[in-house]
Amino acid sequence: MSDHVFLFSLRLPGAGQFAALVTDLASNVLHHLGFTPAAIAEISGELQAGLPPGKVGGAEPAEIPEINVQFEARDGEIEIVVWQAGRRIIRVSRRLP
């Protein structure tokens, strides 16, 4: 399926369990693209390790910057990039199967 080309992004409020949402969404996208369960688990683990957990230190939702997530498939590769407060906090990429 390496001929896939797409780009989509989403913006999530800083409050809540966005780390779980991002990894769940990534898992579904990767499955659709034909990645093996082992590869999906590896990539999801990298995302989970790099994402902030959500509500931090009792902060109110308005105090936590929103999260922006982008999925892009092009040139035989999938790239997942996450930003918080305008700063890239994680980037994961792999060749498409």
PDB file of N, CA and C in Angstrom:
ATOM      1  N   MET A   1       0.811  -1.200   0.000  1.00  0.00           N
ATOM      2  CA  MET A   1       0.000   0.000   0.000  1.00  0.00           C
ATOM      3  C   MET A   1       0.850   1.258   0.000  1.00  0.00           C
ATOM      4  N   SER A   2       2.051   1.199  -0.457  1.00  0.00           N
ATOM      5  CA  SER A   2       2.945   2.345  -0.385  1.00  0.00           C
ATOM      6  C   SER A   2       2.555   3.462  -1.349  1.00  0.00           C
ATOM      7  N   ASP A   3       1.482   3.299  -2.134  1.00  0.00           N
ATOM      8  CA  ASP A   3       1.061   4.353  -3.038  1.00  0.00           C
ATOM      9  C   ASP A   3       0.079   5.319  -2.372  1.00  0.00           C
ATOM     10  N   HIS A   4      -0.193   5.162  -1.098  1.00  0.00           N
ATOM     11  CA  HIS A   4      -1.092   6.065  -0.377  1.00  0.00           C
ATOM     12  C   HIS A   4      -0.486   7.457  -0.267  1.00  0.00           C
ATOM     13  N   VAL A   5      -1.331   8.451  -0.479  1.00  0.00           N
ATOM     14  CA  VAL A   5      -0.943   9.834  -0.265  1.00  0.00           C
ATOM     15  C   VAL A   5      -2.097  10.503   0.448  1.00  0.00           C
ATOM     16  N   PHE A   6      -1.841  11.025   1.630  1.00  0.00           N
ATOM     17  CA  PHE A   6      -2.865  11.775   2.350  1.00  0.00           C
ATOM     18  C   PHE A   6      -2.211  12.619   3.417  1.00  0.00           C
ATOM     19  N   LEU A   7      -2.952  13.599   3.876  1.00  0.00           N
ATOM     20  CA  LEU A   7      -2.528  14.470   4.961  1.00  0.00           C
ATOM     21  C   LEU A   7      -3.764  14.832   5.742  1.00  0.00           C
ATOM     22  N   PHE A   8      -3.724  14.609   7.041  1.00  0.00           N
ATOM     23  CA  PHE A   8      -4.780  15.143   7.876  1.00  0.00           C
ATOM     24  C   PHE A   8      -4.201  15.498   9.228  1.00  0.00           C
ATOM     25  N   SER A   9      -4.829  16.465   9.832  1.00  0.00           N
ATOM     26  CA  SER A   9      -4.362  16.902  11.144  1.00  0.00           C
ATOM     27  C   SER A   9      -5.560  17.194  12.013  1.00  0.00           C
ATOM     28  N   LEU A  10      -5.321  17.191  13.300  1.00  0.00           N
ATOM     29  CA  LEU A  10      -6.379  17.517  14.239  1.00  0.00           C
ATOM     30  C   LEU A  10      -5.805  18.280  15.411  1.00  0.00           C
ATOM     31  N   ARG A  11      -6.683  19.032  16.036  1.00  0.00           N
ATOM     32  CA  ARG A  11      -6.309  19.835  17.190  1.00  0.00           C
ATOM     33  C   ARG A  11      -7.123  19.328  18.367  1.00  0.00           C
ATOM     34  N   LEU A  12      -6.429  19.022  19.461  1.00  0.00           N
ATOM     35  CA  LEU A  12      -7.082  18.493  20.660  1.00  0.00           C
ATOM     36  C   LEU A  12      -6.856  19.446  21.818  1.00  0.00           C
ATOM     37  N   PRO A  13      -7.867  19.617  22.664  1.00  0.00           N
ATOM     38  CA  PRO A  13      -7.632  20.443  23.850  1.00  0.00           C
ATOM     39  C   PRO A  13      -6.580  19.788  24.730  1.00  0.00           C
ATOM     40  N   GLY A  14      -5.850  20.586  25.498  1.00  0.00           N
ATOM     41  CA  GLY A  14      -4.800  20.051  26.352  1.00  0.00           C
ATOM     42  C   GLY A  14      -5.316  19.170  27.468  1.00  0.00           C
ATOM     43  N   ALA A  15      -6.558  19.391  27.884  1.00  0.00           N
ATOM     44  CA  ALA A  15      -7.113  18.594  28.975  1.00  0.00           C
ATOM     45  C   ALA A  15      -7.553  17.233  28.455  1.00  0.00           C
ATOM     46  N   GLY A  16      -7.636  16.284  29.338  1.00  0.00           N
ATOM     47  CA  GLY A  16      -8.142  14.967  28.968  1.00  0.00           C
ATOM     48  C   GLY A  16      -7.026  13.991  28.677  1.00  0.00           C
ATOM     49  N   GLN A  17      -7.426  12.854  28.201  1.00  0.00           N
ATOM     50  CA  GLN A  17      -6.483  11.766  27.937  1.00  0.00           C
ATOM     51  C   GLN A  17      -6.100  11.745  26.464  1.00  0.00           C
ATOM     52  N   PHE A  18      -5.506  12.842  25.980  1.00  0.00           N
ATOM     53  CA  PHE A  18      -5.184  12.923  24.563  1.00  0.00           C
ATOM     54  C   PHE A  18      -4.109  11.930  24.158  1.00  0.00           C
ATOM     55  N   ALA A  19      -3.232  11.518  25.052  1.00  0.00           N
ATOM     56  CA  ALA A  19      -2.188  10.547  24.687  1.00  0.00           C
ATOM     57  C   ALA A  19      -2.829   9.239  24.237  1.00  0.00           C
ATOM     58  N   ALA A  20      -3.821   8.783  24.965  1.00  0.00           N
ATOM     59  CA  ALA A  20      -4.516   7.551  24.593  1.00  0.00           C
ATOM     60  C   ALA A  20      -5.267   7.730  23.271  1.00  0.00           C
ATOM     61  N   LEU A  21      -5.871   8.889  23.077  1.00  0.00           N
ATOM     62  CA  LEU A  21      -6.597   9.157  21.840  1.00  0.00           C
ATOM     63  C   LEU A  21      -5.652   9.169  20.637  1.00  0.00           C
ATOM     64  N   VAL A  22      -4.517   9.827  20.776  1.00  0.00           N
ATOM     65  CA  VAL A  22      -3.549   9.904  19.678  1.00  0.00           C
ATOM     66  C   VAL A  22      -3.014   8.516  19.329  1.00  0.00           C
ATOM     67  N   THR A  23      -2.647   7.728  20.326  1.00  0.00           N
ATOM     68  CA  THR A  23      -2.103   6.400  20.036  1.00  0.00           C
ATOM     69  C   THR A  23      -3.177   5.480  19.457  1.00  0.00           C
ATOM     70  N   ASP A  24      -4.426   5.617  19.908  1.00  0.00           N
ATOM     71  CA  ASP A  24      -5.510   4.811  19.350  1.00  0.00           C
ATOM     72  C   ASP A  24      -5.760   5.184  17.894  1.00  0.00           C
ATOM     73  N   LEU A  25      -5.798   6.466  17.610  1.00  0.00           N
ATOM     74  CA  LEU A  25      -5.981   6.922  16.237  1.00  0.00           C
ATOM     75  C   LEU A  25      -4.829   6.457  15.352  1.00  0.00           C
ATOM     76  N   ALA A  26      -3.602   6.610  15.841  1.00  0.00           N
ATOM     77  CA  ALA A  26      -2.436   6.167  15.076  1.00  0.00           C
ATOM     78  C   ALA A  26      -2.509   4.671  14.795  1.00  0.00           C
ATOM     79  N   SER A  27      -2.899   3.896  15.772  1.00  0.00           N
ATOM     80  CA  SER A  27      -3.014   2.440  15.587  1.00  0.00           C
ATOM     81  C   SER A  27      -3.987   2.106  14.468  1.00  0.00           C
ATOM     82  N   ASN A  28      -5.115   2.800  14.428  1.00  0.00           N
ATOM     83  CA  ASN A  28      -6.107   2.541  13.382  1.00  0.00           C
ATOM     84  C   ASN A  28      -5.612   2.963  12.005  1.00  0.00           C
ATOM     85  N   VAL A  29      -4.948   4.103  11.924  1.00  0.00           N
ATOM     86  CA  VAL A  29      -4.393   4.552  10.646  1.00  0.00           C
ATOM     87  C   VAL A  29      -3.337   3.559  10.163  1.00  0.00           C
ATOM     88  N   LEU A  30      -2.449   3.156  11.051  1.00  0.00           N
ATOM     89  CA  LEU A  30      -1.384   2.218  10.685  1.00  0.00           C
ATOM     90  C   LEU A  30      -1.952   0.866  10.252  1.00  0.00           C
ATOM     91  N   HIS A  31      -2.980   0.403  10.941  1.00  0.00           N
ATOM     92  CA  HIS A  31      -3.639  -0.853  10.559  1.00  0.00           C
ATOM     93  C   HIS A  31      -4.211  -0.734   9.147  1.00  0.00           C
ATOM     94  N   HIS A  32      -4.884   0.380   8.875  1.00  0.00           N
ATOM     95  CA  HIS A  32      -5.456   0.619   7.549  1.00  0.00           C
ATOM     96  C   HIS A  32      -4.371   0.616   6.465  1.00  0.00           C
ATOM     97  N   LEU A  33      -3.200   1.104   6.805  1.00  0.00           N
ATOM     98  CA  LEU A  33      -2.101   1.161   5.843  1.00  0.00           C
ATOM     99  C   LEU A  33      -1.380  -0.174   5.672  1.00  0.00           C
ATOM    100  N   GLY A  34      -1.740  -1.171   6.484  1.00  0.00           N
ATOM    101  CA  GLY A  34      -1.175  -2.506   6.313  1.00  0.00           C
ATOM    102  C   GLY A  34      -0.004  -2.845   7.217  1.00  0.00           C
ATOM    103  N   PHE A  35       0.233  -2.050   8.242  1.00  0.00           N
ATOM    104  CA  PHE A  35       1.307  -2.366   9.186  1.00  0.00           C
ATOM    105  C   PHE A  35       0.935  -3.599  10.006  1.00  0.00           C
ATOM    106  N   THR A  36       1.944  -4.367  10.397  1.00  0.00           N
ATOM    107  CA  THR A  36       1.715  -5.557  11.215  1.00  0.00           C
ATOM    108  C   THR A  36       1.386  -5.138  12.650  1.00  0.00           C
ATOM    109  N   PRO A  37       0.735  -6.016  13.411  1.00  0.00           N
ATOM    110  CA  PRO A  37       0.464  -5.695  14.816  1.00  0.00           C
ATOM    111  C   PRO A  37       1.733  -5.356  15.608  1.00  0.00           C
ATOM    112  N   ALA A  38       2.826  -6.037  15.318  1.00  0.00           N
ATOM    113  CA  ALA A  38       4.083  -5.751  16.029  1.00  0.00           C
ATOM    114  C   ALA A  38       4.597  -4.347  15.695  1.00  0.00           C
ATOM    115  N   ALA A  39       4.522  -3.952  14.435  1.00  0.00           N
ATOM    116  CA  ALA A  39       4.964  -2.614  14.035  1.00  0.00           C
ATOM    117  C   ALA A  39       4.058  -1.543  14.630  1.00  0.00           C
ATOM    118  N   ILE A  40       2.755  -1.819  14.658  1.00  0.00           N
ATOM    119  CA  ILE A  40       1.800  -0.879  15.252  1.00  0.00           C
ATOM    120  C   ILE A  40       2.101  -0.693  16.735  1.00  0.00           C
ATOM    121  N   ALA A  41       2.361  -1.781  17.430  1.00  0.00           N
ATOM    122  CA  ALA A  41       2.681  -1.704  18.859  1.00  0.00           C
ATOM    123  C   ALA A  41       3.964  -0.907  19.090  1.00  0.00           C
ATOM    124  N   GLU A  42       4.963  -1.110  18.250  1.00  0.00           N
ATOM    125  CA  GLU A  42       6.233  -0.393  18.380  1.00  0.00           C
ATOM    126  C   GLU A  42       6.032   1.114  18.185  1.00  0.00           C
ATOM    127  N   ILE A  43       5.333   1.480  17.120  1.00  0.00           N
ATOM    128  CA  ILE A  43       5.105   2.896  16.826  1.00  0.00           C
ATOM    129  C   ILE A  43       4.228   3.529  17.899  1.00  0.00           C
ATOM    130  N   SER A  44       3.184   2.824  18.318  1.00  0.00           N
ATOM    131  CA  SER A  44       2.306   3.336  19.381  1.00  0.00           C
ATOM    132  C   SER A  44       3.080   3.543  20.674  1.00  0.00           C
ATOM    133  N   GLY A  45       4.012   2.643  20.975  1.00  0.00           N
ATOM    134  CA  GLY A  45       4.853   2.793  22.157  1.00  0.00           C
ATOM    135  C   GLY A  45       5.733   4.021  22.086  1.00  0.00           C
ATOM    136  N   GLU A  46       6.283   4.297  20.905  1.00  0.00           N
ATOM    137  CA  GLU A  46       7.091   5.509  20.725  1.00  0.00           C
ATOM    138  C   GLU A  46       6.251   6.761  20.932  1.00  0.00           C
ATOM    139  N   LEU A  47       5.042   6.751  20.375  1.00  0.00           N
ATOM    140  CA  LEU A  47       4.150   7.898  20.564  1.00  0.00           C
ATOM    141  C   LEU A  47       3.791   8.078  22.030  1.00  0.00           C
ATOM    142  N   GLN A  48       3.386   6.996  22.655  1.00  0.00           N
ATOM    143  CA  GLN A  48       2.972   7.050  24.069  1.00  0.00           C
ATOM    144  C   GLN A  48       4.108   7.579  24.941  1.00  0.00           C
ATOM    145  N   ALA A  49       5.324   7.153  24.672  1.00  0.00           N
ATOM    146  CA  ALA A  49       6.475   7.585  25.473  1.00  0.00           C
ATOM    147  C   ALA A  49       6.769   9.073  25.289  1.00  0.00           C
ATOM    148  N   GLY A  50       6.471   9.617  24.115  1.00  0.00           N
ATOM    149  CA  GLY A  50       6.794  11.003  23.838  1.00  0.00           C
ATOM    150  C   GLY A  50       5.695  11.999  24.125  1.00  0.00           C
ATOM    151  N   LEU A  51       4.482  11.505  24.390  1.00  0.00           N
ATOM    152  CA  LEU A  51       3.346  12.393  24.617  1.00  0.00           C
ATOM    153  C   LEU A  51       3.178  12.717  26.093  1.00  0.00           C
ATOM    154  N   PRO A  52       2.818  13.956  26.395  1.00  0.00           N
ATOM    155  CA  PRO A  52       2.498  14.285  27.786  1.00  0.00           C
ATOM    156  C   PRO A  52       1.223  13.542  28.185  1.00  0.00           C
ATOM    157  N   PRO A  53       1.049  13.233  29.467  1.00  0.00           N
ATOM    158  CA  PRO A  53      -0.059  12.391  29.893  1.00  0.00           C
ATOM    159  C   PRO A  53      -1.432  13.044  29.884  1.00  0.00           C
ATOM    160  N   GLY A  54      -1.543  14.338  29.712  1.00  0.00           N
ATOM    161  CA  GLY A  54      -2.839  15.007  29.786  1.00  0.00           C
ATOM    162  C   GLY A  54      -2.780  16.031  30.884  1.00  0.00           C
ATOM    163  N   LYS A  55      -3.766  16.034  31.744  1.00  0.00           N
ATOM    164  CA  LYS A  55      -3.801  16.992  32.847  1.00  0.00           C
ATOM    165  C   LYS A  55      -2.564  16.797  33.716  1.00  0.00           C
ATOM    166  N   VAL A  56      -1.788  17.845  33.872  1.00  0.00           N
ATOM    167  CA  VAL A  56      -0.498  17.754  34.549  1.00  0.00           C
ATOM    168  C   VAL A  56      -0.527  18.544  35.846  1.00  0.00           C
ATOM    169  N   GLY A  57      -0.155  17.923  36.945  1.00  0.00           N
ATOM    170  CA  GLY A  57       0.025  18.613  38.225  1.00  0.00           C
ATOM    171  C   GLY A  57      -1.170  19.397  38.714  1.00  0.00           C
ATOM    172  N   GLY A  58      -2.376  18.925  38.416  1.00  0.00           N
ATOM    173  CA  GLY A  58      -3.570  19.597  38.890  1.00  0.00           C
ATOM    174  C   GLY A  58      -3.907  20.870  38.136  1.00  0.00           C
ATOM    175  N   ALA A  59      -3.239  21.127  37.018  1.00  0.00           N
ATOM    176  CA  ALA A  59      -3.498  22.339  36.247  1.00  0.00           C
ATOM    177  C   ALA A  59      -4.910  22.320  35.685  1.00  0.00           C
ATOM    178  N   GLU A  60      -5.483  23.486  35.589  1.00  0.00           N
ATOM    179  CA  GLU A  60      -6.805  23.606  34.984  1.00  0.00           C
ATOM    180  C   GLU A  60      -6.678  23.439  33.475  1.00  0.00           C
ATOM    181  N   PRO A  61      -7.736  22.953  32.794  1.00  0.00           N
ATOM    182  CA  PRO A  61      -7.669  22.725  31.348  1.00  0.00           C
ATOM    183  C   PRO A  61      -7.177  23.931  30.552  1.00  0.00           C
ATOM    184  N   ALA A  62      -7.571  25.146  30.933  1.00  0.00           N
ATOM    185  CA  ALA A  62      -7.167  26.333  30.176  1.00  0.00           C
ATOM    186  C   ALA A  62      -5.660  26.583  30.267  1.00  0.00           C
ATOM    187  N   GLU A  63      -4.993  26.016  31.269  1.00  0.00           N
ATOM    188  CA  GLU A  63      -3.567  26.231  31.455  1.00  0.00           C
ATOM    189  C   GLU A  63      -2.710  25.286  30.624  1.00  0.00           C
ATOM    190  N   ILE A  64      -3.300  24.266  30.061  1.00  0.00           N
ATOM    191  CA  ILE A  64      -2.549  23.246  29.331  1.00  0.00           C
ATOM    192  C   ILE A  64      -2.689  23.531  27.835  1.00  0.00           C
ATOM    193  N   PRO A  65      -1.588  23.761  27.135  1.00  0.00           N
ATOM    194  CA  PRO A  65      -1.675  24.071  25.695  1.00  0.00           C
ATOM    195  C   PRO A  65      -2.302  22.926  24.916  1.00  0.00           C
ATOM    196  N   GLU A  66      -3.047  23.297  23.871  1.00  0.00           N
ATOM    197  CA  GLU A  66      -3.654  22.278  23.036  1.00  0.00           C
ATOM    198  C   GLU A  66      -2.581  21.474  22.307  1.00  0.00           C
ATOM    199  N   ILE A  67      -2.992  20.330  21.829  1.00  0.00           N
ATOM    200  CA  ILE A  67      -2.123  19.408  21.097  1.00  0.00           C
ATOM    201  C   ILE A  67      -2.553  19.421  19.633  1.00  0.00           C
ATOM    202  N   ASN A  68      -1.595  19.485  18.727  1.00  0.00           N
ATOM    203  CA  ASN A  68      -1.856  19.372  17.293  1.00  0.00           C
ATOM    204  C   ASN A  68      -1.156  18.123  16.790  1.00  0.00           C
ATOM    205  N   VAL A  69      -1.891  17.306  16.044  1.00  0.00           N
ATOM    206  CA  VAL A  69      -1.363  16.047  15.532  1.00  0.00           C
ATOM    207  C   VAL A  69      -1.535  16.033  14.017  1.00  0.00           C
ATOM    208  N   GLN A  70      -0.496  15.619  13.313  1.00  0.00           N
ATOM    209  CA  GLN A  70      -0.564  15.539  11.856  1.00  0.00           C
ATOM    210  C   GLN A  70      -0.106  14.166  11.402  1.00  0.00           C
ATOM    211  N   PHE A  71      -0.893  13.570  10.521  1.00  0.00           N
ATOM    212  CA  PHE A  71      -0.554  12.312   9.871  1.00  0.00           C
ATOM    213  C   PHE A  71      -0.367  12.620   8.393  1.00  0.00           C
ATOM    214  N   GLU A  72       0.783  12.226   7.853  1.00  0.00           N
ATOM    215  CA  GLU A  72       1.024  12.454   6.424  1.00  0.00           C
ATOM    216  C   GLU A  72       1.666  11.217   5.815  1.00  0.00           C
ATOM    217  N   ALA A  73       1.054  10.744   4.742  1.00  0.00           N
ATOM    218  CA  ALA A  73       1.619   9.636   3.969  1.00  0.00           C
ATOM    219  C   ALA A  73       1.986  10.179   2.598  1.00  0.00           C
ATOM    220  N   ARG A  74       3.241  10.009   2.234  1.00  0.00           N
ATOM    221  CA  ARG A  74       3.715  10.437   0.914  1.00  0.00           C
ATOM    222  C   ARG A  74       5.066   9.787   0.653  1.00  0.00           C
ATOM    223  N   ASP A  75       5.375   9.643  -0.593  1.00  0.00           N
ATOM    224  CA  ASP A  75       6.668   9.089  -0.996  1.00  0.00           C
ATOM    225  C   ASP A  75       6.988   7.772  -0.291  1.00  0.00           C
ATOM    226  N   GLY A  76       5.949   6.950  -0.088  1.00  0.00           N
ATOM    227  CA  GLY A  76       6.159   5.642   0.515  1.00  0.00           C
ATOM    228  C   GLY A  76       6.438   5.655   2.003  1.00  0.00           C
ATOM    229  N   GLU A  77       6.073   6.734   2.694  1.00  0.00           N
ATOM    230  CA  GLU A  77       6.366   6.855   4.123  1.00  0.00           C
ATOM    231  C   GLU A  77       5.171   7.464   4.851  1.00  0.00           C
ATOM    232  N   ILE A  78       4.974   7.061   6.096  1.00  0.00           N
ATOM    233  CA  ILE A  78       3.992   7.690   6.975  1.00  0.00           C
ATOM    234  C   ILE A  78       4.772   8.471   8.032  1.00  0.00           C
ATOM    235  N   GLU A  79       4.321   9.690   8.278  1.00  0.00           N
ATOM    236  CA  GLU A  79       4.941  10.528   9.302  1.00  0.00           C
ATOM    237  C   GLU A  79       3.846  11.011  10.243  1.00  0.00           C
ATOM    238  N   ILE A  80       4.095  10.873  11.531  1.00  0.00           N
ATOM    239  CA  ILE A  80       3.179  11.350  12.559  1.00  0.00           C
ATOM    240  C   ILE A  80       3.945  12.374  13.385  1.00  0.00           C
ATOM    241  N   VAL A  81       3.413  13.594  13.443  1.00  0.00           N
ATOM    242  CA  VAL A  81       4.078  14.672  14.162  1.00  0.00           C
ATOM    243  C   VAL A  81       3.087  15.262  15.157  1.00  0.00           C
ATOM    244  N   VAL A  82       3.566  15.519  16.380  1.00  0.00           N
ATOM    245  CA  VAL A  82       2.733  16.105  17.434  1.00  0.00           C
ATOM    246  C   VAL A  82       3.398  17.377  17.925  1.00  0.00           C
ATOM    247  N   TRP A  83       2.604  18.447  18.025  1.00  0.00           N
ATOM    248  CA  TRP A  83       3.064  19.731  18.556  1.00  0.00           C
ATOM    249  C   TRP A  83       2.245  20.090  19.786  1.00  0.00           C
ATOM    250  N   GLN A  84       2.882  20.783  20.695  1.00  0.00           N
ATOM    251  CA  GLN A  84       2.177  21.376  21.834  1.00  0.00           C
ATOM    252  C   GLN A  84       2.748  22.775  22.023  1.00  0.00           C
ATOM    253  N   ALA A  85       1.857  23.760  22.088  1.00  0.00           N
ATOM    254  CA  ALA A  85       2.256  25.162  22.251  1.00  0.00           C
ATOM    255  C   ALA A  85       3.230  25.593  21.149  1.00  0.00           C
ATOM    256  N   GLY A  86       2.984  25.122  19.919  1.00  0.00           N
ATOM    257  CA  GLY A  86       3.818  25.514  18.795  1.00  0.00           C
ATOM    258  C   GLY A  86       5.180  24.851  18.720  1.00  0.00           C
ATOM    259  N   ARG A  87       5.438  23.900  19.598  1.00  0.00           N
ATOM    260  CA  ARG A  87       6.732  23.215  19.643  1.00  0.00           C
ATOM    261  C   ARG A  87       6.530  21.740  19.314  1.00  0.00           C
ATOM    262  N   ARG A  88       7.331  21.227  18.380  1.00  0.00           N
ATOM    263  CA  ARG A  88       7.221  19.801  18.057  1.00  0.00           C
ATOM    264  C   ARG A  88       7.720  18.993  19.242  1.00  0.00           C
ATOM    265  N   ILE A  89       6.866  18.084  19.720  1.00  0.00           N
ATOM    266  CA  ILE A  89       7.276  17.265  20.866  1.00  0.00           C
ATOM    267  C   ILE A  89       7.596  15.831  20.477  1.00  0.00           C
ATOM    268  N   ILE A  90       7.097  15.394  19.323  1.00  0.00           N
ATOM    269  CA  ILE A  90       7.449  14.050  18.866  1.00  0.00           C
ATOM    270  C   ILE A  90       7.207  13.938  17.363  1.00  0.00           C
ATOM    271  N   ARG A  91       8.067  13.154  16.726  1.00  0.00           N
ATOM    272  CA  ARG A  91       7.931  12.831  15.309  1.00  0.00           C
ATOM    273  C   ARG A  91       8.289  11.363  15.147  1.00  0.00           C
ATOM    274  N   VAL A  92       7.397  10.630  14.509  1.00  0.00           N
ATOM    275  CA  VAL A  92       7.627   9.212  14.238  1.00  0.00           C
ATOM    276  C   VAL A  92       7.361   8.991  12.747  1.00  0.00           C
ATOM    277  N   SER A  93       8.260   8.307  12.079  1.00  0.00           N
ATOM    278  CA  SER A  93       8.030   8.003  10.672  1.00  0.00           C
ATOM    279  C   SER A  93       8.506   6.581  10.368  1.00  0.00           C
ATOM    280  N   ARG A  94       7.874   5.999   9.374  1.00  0.00           N
ATOM    281  CA  ARG A  94       8.230   4.648   8.922  1.00  0.00           C
ATOM    282  C   ARG A  94       7.929   4.535   7.433  1.00  0.00           C
ATOM    283  N   ARG A  95       8.656   3.651   6.784  1.00  0.00           N
ATOM    284  CA  ARG A  95       8.330   3.290   5.411  1.00  0.00           C
ATOM    285  C   ARG A  95       6.993   2.557   5.412  1.00  0.00           C
ATOM    286  N   LEU A  96       6.191   2.798   4.411  1.00  0.00           N
ATOM    287  CA  LEU A  96       4.919   2.078   4.293  1.00  0.00           C
ATOM    288  C   LEU A  96       5.194   0.645   3.871  1.00  0.00           C
ATOM    289  N   PRO A  97       4.395  -0.266   4.370  1.00  0.00           N
ATOM    290  CA  PRO A  97       4.581  -1.672   3.977  1.00  0.00           C
ATOM    291  C   PRO A  97       4.252  -1.904   2.497  1.00  0.00           C
TER     292      PRO A  97
END
